[in-house]
PDB file of N, CA and C in Angstrom:
ATOM      1  N   MET A   1      46.702 328.993  69.199  1.00  0.00           N
ATOM      2  CA  MET A   1      46.520 329.712  67.951  1.00  0.00           C
ATOM      3  C   MET A   1      47.868 329.972  67.273  1.00  0.00           C
ATOM      4  N   LYS A   2      48.904 330.335  68.078  1.00  0.00           N
ATOM      5  CA  LYS A   2      50.223 330.581  67.498  1.00  0.00           C
ATOM      6  C   LYS A   2      50.771 329.324  66.850  1.00  0.00           C
ATOM      7  N   LYS A   3      50.480 328.159  67.467  1.00  0.00           N
ATOM      8  CA  LYS A   3      50.966 326.902  66.924  1.00  0.00           C
ATOM      9  C   LYS A   3      50.304 326.619  65.571  1.00  0.00           C
ATOM     10  N   ILE A   4      48.999 326.880  65.476  1.00  0.00           N
ATOM     11  CA  ILE A   4      48.281 326.670  64.218  1.00  0.00           C
ATOM     12  C   ILE A   4      48.816 327.615  63.150  1.00  0.00           C
ATOM     13  N   THR A   5      48.993 328.884  63.507  1.00  0.00           N
ATOM     14  CA  THR A   5      49.513 329.865  62.559  1.00  0.00           C
ATOM     15  C   THR A   5      50.886 329.447  62.053  1.00  0.00           C
ATOM     16  N   SER A   6      51.732 329.044  62.968  1.00  0.00           N
ATOM     17  CA  SER A   6      53.076 328.612  62.596  1.00  0.00           C
ATOM     18  C   SER A   6      53.026 327.400  61.670  1.00  0.00           C
ATOM     19  N   LEU A   7      52.159 326.443  61.988  1.00  0.00           N
ATOM     20  CA  LEU A   7      52.024 325.247  61.170  1.00  0.00           C
ATOM     21  C   LEU A   7      51.546 325.586  59.770  1.00  0.00           C
ATOM     22  N   ILE A   8      50.558 326.467  59.668  1.00  0.00           N
ATOM     23  CA  ILE A   8      50.029 326.853  58.354  1.00  0.00           C
ATOM     24  C   ILE A   8      51.089 327.572  57.536  1.00  0.00           C
ATOM     25  N   LEU A   9      51.774 328.528  58.159  1.00  0.00           N
ATOM     26  CA  LEU A   9      52.804 329.268  57.420  1.00  0.00           C
ATOM     27  C   LEU A   9      53.943 328.351  56.986  1.00  0.00           C
ATOM     28  N   THR A  10      54.330 327.421  57.851  1.00  0.00           N
ATOM     29  CA  THR A  10      55.373 326.454  57.495  1.00  0.00           C
ATOM     30  C   THR A  10      54.913 325.603  56.325  1.00  0.00           C
ATOM     31  N   SER A  11      53.657 325.156  56.363  1.00  0.00           N
ATOM     32  CA  SER A  11      53.109 324.342  55.278  1.00  0.00           C
ATOM     33  C   SER A  11      53.073 325.116  53.968  1.00  0.00           C
ATOM     34  N   LEU A  12      52.609 326.370  54.026  1.00  0.00           N
ATOM     35  CA  LEU A  12      52.551 327.185  52.814  1.00  0.00           C
ATOM     36  C   LEU A  12      53.945 327.419  52.237  1.00  0.00           C
ATOM     37  N   PHE A  13      54.930 327.677  53.110  1.00  0.00           N
ATOM     38  CA  PHE A  13      56.288 327.883  52.635  1.00  0.00           C
ATOM     39  C   PHE A  13      56.829 326.605  52.005  1.00  0.00           C
ATOM     40  N   SER A  14      56.571 325.470  52.643  1.00  0.00           N
ATOM     41  CA  SER A  14      57.028 324.188  52.103  1.00  0.00           C
ATOM     42  C   SER A  14      56.407 323.927  50.744  1.00  0.00           C
ATOM     43  N   MET A  15      55.107 324.232  50.628  1.00  0.00           N
ATOM     44  CA  MET A  15      54.433 324.045  49.349  1.00  0.00           C
ATOM     45  C   MET A  15      55.041 324.950  48.283  1.00  0.00           C
ATOM     46  N   ALA A  16      55.324 326.179  48.648  1.00  0.00           N
ATOM     47  CA  ALA A  16      55.866 327.134  47.675  1.00  0.00           C
ATOM     48  C   ALA A  16      57.234 326.687  47.170  1.00  0.00           C
ATOM     49  N   MET A  17      57.995 326.007  48.026  1.00  0.00           N
ATOM     50  CA  MET A  17      59.336 325.563  47.651  1.00  0.00           C
ATOM     51  C   MET A  17      59.317 324.211  46.932  1.00  0.00           C
ATOM     52  N   ASN A  18      58.200 323.526  46.927  1.00  0.00           N
ATOM     53  CA  ASN A  18      58.083 322.211  46.325  1.00  0.00           C
ATOM     54  C   ASN A  18      57.718 322.358  44.845  1.00  0.00           C
ATOM     55  N   PRO A  19      58.519 321.774  43.934  1.00  0.00           N
ATOM     56  CA  PRO A  19      58.227 321.898  42.505  1.00  0.00           C
ATOM     57  C   PRO A  19      56.843 321.369  42.126  1.00  0.00           C
ATOM     58  N   ALA A  20      56.317 320.414  42.886  1.00  0.00           N
ATOM     59  CA  ALA A  20      54.991 319.869  42.573  1.00  0.00           C
ATOM     60  C   ALA A  20      53.902 320.925  42.735  1.00  0.00           C
ATOM     61  N   PHE A  21      54.157 321.950  43.558  1.00  0.00           N
ATOM     62  CA  PHE A  21      53.186 323.005  43.782  1.00  0.00           C
ATOM     63  C   PHE A  21      53.587 324.299  43.088  1.00  0.00           C
ATOM     64  N   ALA A  22      54.509 324.218  42.165  1.00  0.00           N
ATOM     65  CA  ALA A  22      54.952 325.423  41.464  1.00  0.00           C
ATOM     66  C   ALA A  22      53.774 326.048  40.728  1.00  0.00           C
ATOM     67  N   VAL A  23      53.702 327.347  40.780  1.00  0.00           N
ATOM     68  CA  VAL A  23      52.625 328.055  40.102  1.00  0.00           C
ATOM     69  C   VAL A  23      53.208 328.997  39.064  1.00  0.00           C
ATOM     70  N   ASP A  24      52.427 329.253  38.068  1.00  0.00           N
ATOM     71  CA  ASP A  24      52.809 330.154  37.001  1.00  0.00           C
ATOM     72  C   ASP A  24      52.292 331.546  37.361  1.00  0.00           C
ATOM     73  N   LEU A  25      53.172 332.411  37.823  1.00  0.00           N
ATOM     74  CA  LEU A  25      52.757 333.747  38.253  1.00  0.00           C
ATOM     75  C   LEU A  25      52.322 334.629  37.095  1.00  0.00           C
ATOM     76  N   SER A  26      52.592 334.193  35.875  1.00  0.00           N
ATOM     77  CA  SER A  26      52.185 334.978  34.716  1.00  0.00           C
ATOM     78  C   SER A  26      50.805 334.549  34.202  1.00  0.00           C
ATOM     79  N   CYS A  27      50.171 333.614  34.893  1.00  0.00           N
ATOM     80  CA  CYS A  27      48.871 333.133  34.434  1.00  0.00           C
ATOM     81  C   CYS A  27      47.794 334.200  34.663  1.00  0.00           C
ATOM     82  N   HIS A  28      46.710 334.070  33.957  1.00  0.00           N
ATOM     83  CA  HIS A  28      45.587 334.987  34.090  1.00  0.00           C
ATOM     84  C   HIS A  28      44.303 334.162  34.158  1.00  0.00           C
ATOM     85  N   PRO A  29      43.839 333.845  35.365  1.00  0.00           N
ATOM     86  CA  PRO A  29      42.633 333.024  35.490  1.00  0.00           C
ATOM     87  C   PRO A  29      41.412 333.715  34.880  1.00  0.00           C
ATOM     88  N   LEU A  30      40.477 332.901  34.403  1.00  0.00           N
ATOM     89  CA  LEU A  30      39.242 333.444  33.831  1.00  0.00           C
ATOM     90  C   LEU A  30      38.429 334.138  34.909  1.00  0.00           C
ATOM     91  N   ARG A  31      37.820 335.266  34.561  1.00  0.00           N
ATOM     92  CA  ARG A  31      37.025 336.027  35.516  1.00  0.00           C
ATOM     93  C   ARG A  31      35.621 336.234  34.978  1.00  0.00           C
ATOM     94  N   ASP A  32      34.677 336.408  35.912  1.00  0.00           N
ATOM     95  CA  ASP A  32      33.291 336.648  35.508  1.00  0.00           C
ATOM     96  C   ASP A  32      33.074 338.143  35.275  1.00  0.00           C
ATOM     97  N   SER A  33      31.825 338.525  35.021  1.00  0.00           N
ATOM     98  CA  SER A  33      31.517 339.925  34.692  1.00  0.00           C
ATOM     99  C   SER A  33      31.782 340.881  35.856  1.00  0.00           C
ATOM    100  N   ARG A  34      31.818 340.361  37.091  1.00  0.00           N
ATOM    101  CA  ARG A  34      32.113 341.211  38.259  1.00  0.00           C
ATOM    102  C   ARG A  34      33.607 341.246  38.589  1.00  0.00           C
ATOM    103  N   GLY A  35      34.404 340.524  37.814  1.00  0.00           N
ATOM    104  CA  GLY A  35      35.841 340.512  38.045  1.00  0.00           C
ATOM    105  C   GLY A  35      36.322 339.414  38.976  1.00  0.00           C
ATOM    106  N   HIS A  36      35.408 338.566  39.449  1.00  0.00           N
ATOM    107  CA  HIS A  36      35.801 337.462  40.322  1.00  0.00           C
ATOM    108  C   HIS A  36      36.274 336.269  39.497  1.00  0.00           C
ATOM    109  N   ILE A  37      37.222 335.525  40.028  1.00  0.00           N
ATOM    110  CA  ILE A  37      37.704 334.333  39.338  1.00  0.00           C
ATOM    111  C   ILE A  37      36.563 333.336  39.217  1.00  0.00           C
ATOM    112  N   LYS A  38      36.400 332.785  38.017  1.00  0.00           N
ATOM    113  CA  LYS A  38      35.338 331.804  37.795  1.00  0.00           C
ATOM    114  C   LYS A  38      35.666 330.524  38.546  1.00  0.00           C
ATOM    115  N   ARG A  39      34.634 329.974  39.193  1.00  0.00           N
ATOM    116  CA  ARG A  39      34.778 328.703  39.905  1.00  0.00           C
ATOM    117  C   ARG A  39      33.496 327.912  39.756  1.00  0.00           C
ATOM    118  N   SER A  40      33.601 326.616  39.912  1.00  0.00           N
ATOM    119  CA  SER A  40      32.453 325.746  39.711  1.00  0.00           C
ATOM    120  C   SER A  40      31.956 325.177  41.037  1.00  0.00           C
ATOM    121  N   PRO A  41      30.685 325.421  41.373  1.00  0.00           N
ATOM    122  CA  PRO A  41      30.140 324.819  42.589  1.00  0.00           C
ATOM    123  C   PRO A  41      30.078 323.293  42.491  1.00  0.00           C
ATOM    124  N   TRP A  42      30.040 322.766  41.263  1.00  0.00           N
ATOM    125  CA  TRP A  42      30.006 321.313  41.075  1.00  0.00           C
ATOM    126  C   TRP A  42      31.301 320.672  41.539  1.00  0.00           C
ATOM    127  N   GLN A  43      32.429 321.378  41.387  1.00  0.00           N
ATOM    128  CA  GLN A  43      33.717 320.820  41.835  1.00  0.00           C
ATOM    129  C   GLN A  43      33.739 320.695  43.365  1.00  0.00           C
ATOM    130  N   VAL A  44      33.190 321.700  44.049  1.00  0.00           N
ATOM    131  CA  VAL A  44      33.118 321.643  45.520  1.00  0.00           C
ATOM    132  C   VAL A  44      32.219 320.481  45.934  1.00  0.00           C
ATOM    133  N   MET A  45      31.107 320.299  45.223  1.00  0.00           N
ATOM    134  CA  MET A  45      30.197 319.205  45.547  1.00  0.00           C
ATOM    135  C   MET A  45      30.894 317.852  45.360  1.00  0.00           C
ATOM    136  N   LYS A  46      31.670 317.719  44.288  1.00  0.00           N
ATOM    137  CA  LYS A  46      32.410 316.472  44.059  1.00  0.00           C
ATOM    138  C   LYS A  46      33.385 316.221  45.206  1.00  0.00           C
ATOM    139  N   PHE A  47      34.045 317.280  45.676  1.00  0.00           N
ATOM    140  CA  PHE A  47      34.971 317.143  46.801  1.00  0.00           C
ATOM    141  C   PHE A  47      34.229 316.675  48.047  1.00  0.00           C
ATOM    142  N   LYS A  48      33.084 317.313  48.348  1.00  0.00           N
ATOM    143  CA  LYS A  48      32.320 316.970  49.551  1.00  0.00           C
ATOM    144  C   LYS A  48      31.757 315.548  49.503  1.00  0.00           C
ATOM    145  N   LYS A  49      31.530 315.026  48.297  1.00  0.00           N
ATOM    146  CA  LYS A  49      31.057 313.656  48.156  1.00  0.00           C
ATOM    147  C   LYS A  49      32.190 312.651  48.367  1.00  0.00           C
ATOM    148  N   ALA A  50      33.430 313.105  48.182  1.00  0.00           N
ATOM    149  CA  ALA A  50      34.575 312.196  48.275  1.00  0.00           C
ATOM    150  C   ALA A  50      35.313 312.278  49.610  1.00  0.00           C
ATOM    151  N   VAL A  51      35.294 313.445  50.255  1.00  0.00           N
ATOM    152  CA  VAL A  51      36.083 313.653  51.468  1.00  0.00           C
ATOM    153  C   VAL A  51      35.155 314.023  52.620  1.00  0.00           C
ATOM    154  N   ALA A  52      35.197 313.231  53.673  1.00  0.00           N
ATOM    155  CA  ALA A  52      34.299 313.438  54.812  1.00  0.00           C
ATOM    156  C   ALA A  52      34.619 314.726  55.559  1.00  0.00           C
ATOM    157  N   CYS A  53      33.573 315.348  56.071  1.00  0.00           N
ATOM    158  CA  CYS A  53      33.697 316.539  56.907  1.00  0.00           C
ATOM    159  C   CYS A  53      34.435 316.162  58.195  1.00  0.00           C
ATOM    160  N   PRO A  54      35.457 316.923  58.592  1.00  0.00           N
ATOM    161  CA  PRO A  54      36.176 316.611  59.825  1.00  0.00           C
ATOM    162  C   PRO A  54      35.316 316.709  61.083  1.00  0.00           C
ATOM    163  N   ALA A  55      34.287 317.536  61.060  1.00  0.00           N
ATOM    164  CA  ALA A  55      33.444 317.734  62.241  1.00  0.00           C
ATOM    165  C   ALA A  55      32.430 316.608  62.435  1.00  0.00           C
ATOM    166  N   THR A  56      31.939 316.057  61.323  1.00  0.00           N
ATOM    167  CA  THR A  56      30.872 315.055  61.427  1.00  0.00           C
ATOM    168  C   THR A  56      31.284 313.669  60.958  1.00  0.00           C
ATOM    169  N   GLY A  57      32.338 313.605  60.150  1.00  0.00           N
ATOM    170  CA  GLY A  57      32.757 312.323  59.579  1.00  0.00           C
ATOM    171  C   GLY A  57      31.862 311.862  58.439  1.00  0.00           C
ATOM    172  N   LYS A  58      30.996 312.764  57.941  1.00  0.00           N
ATOM    173  CA  LYS A  58      30.050 312.398  56.884  1.00  0.00           C
ATOM    174  C   LYS A  58      30.434 313.038  55.565  1.00  0.00           C
ATOM    175  N   VAL A  59      30.139 312.322  54.479  1.00  0.00           N
ATOM    176  CA  VAL A  59      30.298 312.887  53.141  1.00  0.00           C
ATOM    177  C   VAL A  59      28.926 313.354  52.672  1.00  0.00           C
ATOM    178  N   GLN A  60      28.920 314.219  51.693  1.00  0.00           N
ATOM    179  CA  GLN A  60      27.654 314.701  51.134  1.00  0.00           C
ATOM    180  C   GLN A  60      27.031 313.587  50.315  1.00  0.00           C
ATOM    181  N   GLU A  61      25.731 313.416  50.471  1.00  0.00           N
ATOM    182  CA  GLU A  61      25.002 312.404  49.707  1.00  0.00           C
ATOM    183  C   GLU A  61      24.107 313.103  48.696  1.00  0.00           C
ATOM    184  N   GLY A  62      24.230 312.711  47.451  1.00  0.00           N
ATOM    185  CA  GLY A  62      23.420 313.317  46.396  1.00  0.00           C
ATOM    186  C   GLY A  62      23.698 314.802  46.283  1.00  0.00           C
ATOM    187  N   ASN A  63      22.661 315.564  45.976  1.00  0.00           N
ATOM    188  CA  ASN A  63      22.811 317.015  45.841  1.00  0.00           C
ATOM    189  C   ASN A  63      22.311 317.744  47.068  1.00  0.00           C
ATOM    190  N   LYS A  64      22.035 317.008  48.142  1.00  0.00           N
ATOM    191  CA  LYS A  64      21.530 317.596  49.378  1.00  0.00           C
ATOM    192  C   LYS A  64      22.675 318.267  50.141  1.00  0.00           C
ATOM    193  N   TYR A  65      22.444 319.483  50.613  1.00  0.00           N
ATOM    194  CA  TYR A  65      23.447 320.223  51.376  1.00  0.00           C
ATOM    195  C   TYR A  65      23.717 319.518  52.707  1.00  0.00           C
ATOM    196  N   THR A  66      24.985 319.291  53.004  1.00  0.00           N
ATOM    197  CA  THR A  66      25.380 318.677  54.268  1.00  0.00           C
ATOM    198  C   THR A  66      26.277 319.665  55.003  1.00  0.00           C
ATOM    199  N   PRO A  67      25.818 320.216  56.138  1.00  0.00           N
ATOM    200  CA  PRO A  67      26.629 321.205  56.858  1.00  0.00           C
ATOM    201  C   PRO A  67      27.879 320.591  57.482  1.00  0.00           C
ATOM    202  N   CYS A  68      28.906 321.406  57.600  1.00  0.00           N
ATOM    203  CA  CYS A  68      30.157 321.000  58.254  1.00  0.00           C
ATOM    204  C   CYS A  68      30.584 322.173  59.128  1.00  0.00           C
ATOM    205  N   ASN A  69      29.949 322.274  60.291  1.00  0.00           N
ATOM    206  CA  ASN A  69      30.162 323.422  61.176  1.00  0.00           C
ATOM    207  C   ASN A  69      31.613 323.582  61.580  1.00  0.00           C
ATOM    208  N   GLY A  70      32.118 324.812  61.424  1.00  0.00           N
ATOM    209  CA  GLY A  70      33.479 325.136  61.821  1.00  0.00           C
ATOM    210  C   GLY A  70      34.521 324.889  60.746  1.00  0.00           C
ATOM    211  N   PHE A  71      34.089 324.405  59.564  1.00  0.00           N
ATOM    212  CA  PHE A  71      35.027 324.104  58.481  1.00  0.00           C
ATOM    213  C   PHE A  71      34.506 324.637  57.160  1.00  0.00           C
ATOM    214  N   VAL A  72      35.437 324.936  56.252  1.00  0.00           N
ATOM    215  CA  VAL A  72      35.105 325.357  54.889  1.00  0.00           C
ATOM    216  C   VAL A  72      35.977 324.563  53.919  1.00  0.00           C
ATOM    217  N   VAL A  73      35.534 324.500  52.686  1.00  0.00           N
ATOM    218  CA  VAL A  73      36.346 323.889  51.634  1.00  0.00           C
ATOM    219  C   VAL A  73      37.173 325.010  51.015  1.00  0.00           C
ATOM    220  N   ASP A  74      38.480 324.781  50.900  1.00  0.00           N
ATOM    221  CA  ASP A  74      39.357 325.813  50.345  1.00  0.00           C
ATOM    222  C   ASP A  74      40.286 325.192  49.316  1.00  0.00           C
ATOM    223  N   HIS A  75      40.696 325.998  48.356  1.00  0.00           N
ATOM    224  CA  HIS A  75      41.668 325.546  47.361  1.00  0.00           C
ATOM    225  C   HIS A  75      43.056 325.540  47.996  1.00  0.00           C
ATOM    226  N   ILE A  76      43.801 324.475  47.802  1.00  0.00           N
ATOM    227  CA  ILE A  76      45.152 324.368  48.356  1.00  0.00           C
ATOM    228  C   ILE A  76      46.058 325.390  47.682  1.00  0.00           C
ATOM    229  N   THR A  77      46.136 325.323  46.357  1.00  0.00           N
ATOM    230  CA  THR A  77      46.832 326.358  45.595  1.00  0.00           C
ATOM    231  C   THR A  77      45.754 327.334  45.142  1.00  0.00           C
ATOM    232  N   PRO A  78      45.845 328.596  45.554  1.00  0.00           N
ATOM    233  CA  PRO A  78      44.796 329.568  45.239  1.00  0.00           C
ATOM    234  C   PRO A  78      44.529 329.684  43.740  1.00  0.00           C
ATOM    235  N   LEU A  79      43.275 329.936  43.403  1.00  0.00           N
ATOM    236  CA  LEU A  79      42.912 330.102  42.003  1.00  0.00           C
ATOM    237  C   LEU A  79      43.633 331.289  41.386  1.00  0.00           C
ATOM    238  N   CYS A  80      43.883 332.320  42.191  1.00  0.00           N
ATOM    239  CA  CYS A  80      44.572 333.509  41.667  1.00  0.00           C
ATOM    240  C   CYS A  80      46.028 333.211  41.304  1.00  0.00           C
ATOM    241  N   LEU A  81      46.558 332.093  41.801  1.00  0.00           N
ATOM    242  CA  LEU A  81      47.907 331.657  41.443  1.00  0.00           C
ATOM    243  C   LEU A  81      47.840 330.447  40.519  1.00  0.00           C
ATOM    244  N   CYS A  82      46.724 330.353  39.794  1.00  0.00           N
ATOM    245  CA  CYS A  82      46.485 329.326  38.788  1.00  0.00           C
ATOM    246  C   CYS A  82      46.352 327.920  39.348  1.00  0.00           C
ATOM    247  N   GLY A  83      45.873 327.823  40.581  1.00  0.00           N
ATOM    248  CA  GLY A  83      45.513 326.508  41.102  1.00  0.00           C
ATOM    249  C   GLY A  83      44.282 326.012  40.371  1.00  0.00           C
ATOM    250  N   LYS A  84      44.140 324.714  40.276  1.00  0.00           N
ATOM    251  CA  LYS A  84      42.997 324.132  39.570  1.00  0.00           C
ATOM    252  C   LYS A  84      41.738 324.221  40.418  1.00  0.00           C
ATOM    253  N   ASP A  85      40.622 324.469  39.763  1.00  0.00           N
ATOM    254  CA  ASP A  85      39.327 324.430  40.423  1.00  0.00           C
ATOM    255  C   ASP A  85      38.825 323.001  40.295  1.00  0.00           C
ATOM    256  N   ALA A  86      39.440 322.111  41.069  1.00  0.00           N
ATOM    257  CA  ALA A  86      39.147 320.684  40.996  1.00  0.00           C
ATOM    258  C   ALA A  86      39.307 320.072  42.389  1.00  0.00           C
ATOM    259  N   PRO A  87      38.594 318.977  42.668  1.00  0.00           N
ATOM    260  CA  PRO A  87      38.658 318.360  43.996  1.00  0.00           C
ATOM    261  C   PRO A  87      40.077 318.028  44.477  1.00  0.00           C
ATOM    262  N   GLU A  88      40.960 317.665  43.568  1.00  0.00           N
ATOM    263  CA  GLU A  88      42.328 317.332  43.999  1.00  0.00           C
ATOM    264  C   GLU A  88      43.106 318.553  44.499  1.00  0.00           C
ATOM    265  N   ASN A  89      42.584 319.757  44.267  1.00  0.00           N
ATOM    266  CA  ASN A  89      43.208 320.981  44.764  1.00  0.00           C
ATOM    267  C   ASN A  89      42.375 321.597  45.892  1.00  0.00           C
ATOM    268  N   MET A  90      41.573 320.772  46.575  1.00  0.00           N
ATOM    269  CA  MET A  90      40.720 321.272  47.655  1.00  0.00           C
ATOM    270  C   MET A  90      41.001 320.503  48.937  1.00  0.00           C
ATOM    271  N   ALA A  91      40.723 321.164  50.056  1.00  0.00           N
ATOM    272  CA  ALA A  91      40.891 320.539  51.371  1.00  0.00           C
ATOM    273  C   ALA A  91      39.937 321.191  52.354  1.00  0.00           C
ATOM    274  N   TRP A  92      39.549 320.432  53.399  1.00  0.00           N
ATOM    275  CA  TRP A  92      38.782 321.020  54.492  1.00  0.00           C
ATOM    276  C   TRP A  92      39.720 321.896  55.294  1.00  0.00           C
ATOM    277  N   GLN A  93      39.229 323.023  55.756  1.00  0.00           N
ATOM    278  CA  GLN A  93      40.042 323.959  56.517  1.00  0.00           C
ATOM    279  C   GLN A  93      39.180 324.552  57.627  1.00  0.00           C
ATOM    280  N   SER A  94      39.732 324.630  58.831  1.00  0.00           N
ATOM    281  CA  SER A  94      38.976 325.234  59.930  1.00  0.00           C
ATOM    282  C   SER A  94      38.794 326.728  59.629  1.00  0.00           C
ATOM    283  N   LEU A  95      37.799 327.324  60.263  1.00  0.00           N
ATOM    284  CA  LEU A  95      37.557 328.750  60.035  1.00  0.00           C
ATOM    285  C   LEU A  95      38.752 329.591  60.456  1.00  0.00           C
ATOM    286  N   ALA A  96      39.427 329.199  61.553  1.00  0.00           N
ATOM    287  CA  ALA A  96      40.610 329.941  62.012  1.00  0.00           C
ATOM    288  C   ALA A  96      41.731 329.845  60.980  1.00  0.00           C
ATOM    289  N   GLU A  97      41.960 328.651  60.452  1.00  0.00           N
ATOM    290  CA  GLU A  97      42.992 328.475  59.424  1.00  0.00           C
ATOM    291  C   GLU A  97      42.632 329.244  58.167  1.00  0.00           C
ATOM    292  N   SER A  98      41.342 329.273  57.844  1.00  0.00           N
ATOM    293  CA  SER A  98      40.871 329.966  56.653  1.00  0.00           C
ATOM    294  C   SER A  98      41.182 331.457  56.705  1.00  0.00           C
ATOM    295  N   LYS A  99      40.954 332.074  57.859  1.00  0.00           N
ATOM    296  CA  LYS A  99      41.238 333.509  58.004  1.00  0.00           C
ATOM    297  C   LYS A  99      42.714 333.799  57.792  1.00  0.00           C
ATOM    298  N   ILE A 100      43.573 332.938  58.330  1.00  0.00           N
ATOM    299  CA  ILE A 100      45.018 333.122  58.178  1.00  0.00           C
ATOM    300  C   ILE A 100      45.428 332.960  56.718  1.00  0.00           C
ATOM    301  N   LYS A 101      44.927 331.899  56.074  1.00  0.00           N
ATOM    302  CA  LYS A 101      45.296 331.654  54.679  1.00  0.00           C
ATOM    303  C   LYS A 101      44.730 332.731  53.761  1.00  0.00           C
ATOM    304  N   ASP A 102      43.512 333.210  54.046  1.00  0.00           N
ATOM    305  CA  ASP A 102      42.932 334.274  53.220  1.00  0.00           C
ATOM    306  C   ASP A 102      43.798 335.530  53.251  1.00  0.00           C
ATOM    307  N   LYS A 103      44.332 335.859  54.420  1.00  0.00           N
ATOM    308  CA  LYS A 103      45.209 337.029  54.537  1.00  0.00           C
ATOM    309  C   LYS A 103      46.466 336.826  53.689  1.00  0.00           C
ATOM    310  N   TRP A 104      47.041 335.626  53.772  1.00  0.00           N
ATOM    311  CA  TRP A 104      48.233 335.313  52.979  1.00  0.00           C
ATOM    312  C   TRP A 104      47.902 335.389  51.485  1.00  0.00           C
ATOM    313  N   GLU A 105      46.746 334.858  51.095  1.00  0.00           N
ATOM    314  CA  GLU A 105      46.349 334.868  49.677  1.00  0.00           C
ATOM    315  C   GLU A 105      46.175 336.283  49.150  1.00  0.00           C
ATOM    316  N   ARG A 106      45.578 337.171  49.948  1.00  0.00           N
ATOM    317  CA  ARG A 106      45.417 338.567  49.498  1.00  0.00           C
ATOM    318  C   ARG A 106      46.781 339.203  49.207  1.00  0.00           C
ATOM    319  N   GLN A 107      47.766 338.896  50.041  1.00  0.00           N
ATOM    320  CA  GLN A 107      49.113 339.432  49.813  1.00  0.00           C
ATOM    321  C   GLN A 107      49.738 338.798  48.569  1.00  0.00           C
ATOM    322  N   ALA A 108      49.610 337.469  48.454  1.00  0.00           N
ATOM    323  CA  ALA A 108      50.230 336.753  47.345  1.00  0.00           C
ATOM    324  C   ALA A 108      49.559 337.061  46.004  1.00  0.00           C
ATOM    325  N   CYS A 109      48.283 337.429  46.046  1.00  0.00           N
ATOM    326  CA  CYS A 109      47.522 337.651  44.819  1.00  0.00           C
ATOM    327  C   CYS A 109      47.325 339.119  44.491  1.00  0.00           C
ATOM    328  N   GLY A 110      48.137 339.956  45.056  1.00  0.00           N
ATOM    329  CA  GLY A 110      48.079 341.378  44.715  1.00  0.00           C
ATOM    330  C   GLY A 110      46.869 342.101  45.267  1.00  0.00           C
ATOM    331  N   GLY A 111      46.442 341.731  46.472  1.00  0.00           N
ATOM    332  CA  GLY A 111      45.349 342.436  47.123  1.00  0.00           C
ATOM    333  C   GLY A 111      43.973 341.893  46.845  1.00  0.00           C
ATOM    334  N   LYS A 112      43.882 340.919  45.937  1.00  0.00           N
ATOM    335  CA  LYS A 112      42.572 340.342  45.639  1.00  0.00           C
ATOM    336  C   LYS A 112      42.403 339.067  46.438  1.00  0.00           C
ATOM    337  N   GLY A 113      41.247 338.937  47.078  1.00  0.00           N
ATOM    338  CA  GLY A 113      41.015 337.778  47.910  1.00  0.00           C
ATOM    339  C   GLY A 113      40.244 336.676  47.240  1.00  0.00           C
ATOM    340  N   ASP A 114      40.232 336.654  45.944  1.00  0.00           N
ATOM    341  CA  ASP A 114      39.501 335.577  45.280  1.00  0.00           C
ATOM    342  C   ASP A 114      40.498 334.687  44.598  1.00  0.00           C
TER     343      ASP A 114
END
């Protein structure tokens, strides 16, 4: 677990220092009526149709739900830091990695986990 945590933190730091992943901290993402950042479920579906689940090796076919036990789709650059809600900004992430990154995102996004 320590090795995974170290790898994730190293990756996040490397991304933050890379100009290709530069984010505009003054951005203000669109929010819905409950205050959550707007996101499109269609973008996640497009990602799942293009990138196979690490657990099963299968991509989603049509609009049918395809489970990927132990993994979630996550935005590489968080939406709260003006990452795009698009398949090119998404990746499969294990549940353990997700918990670590979510904690980092809450800190980076001023306490909001969306």
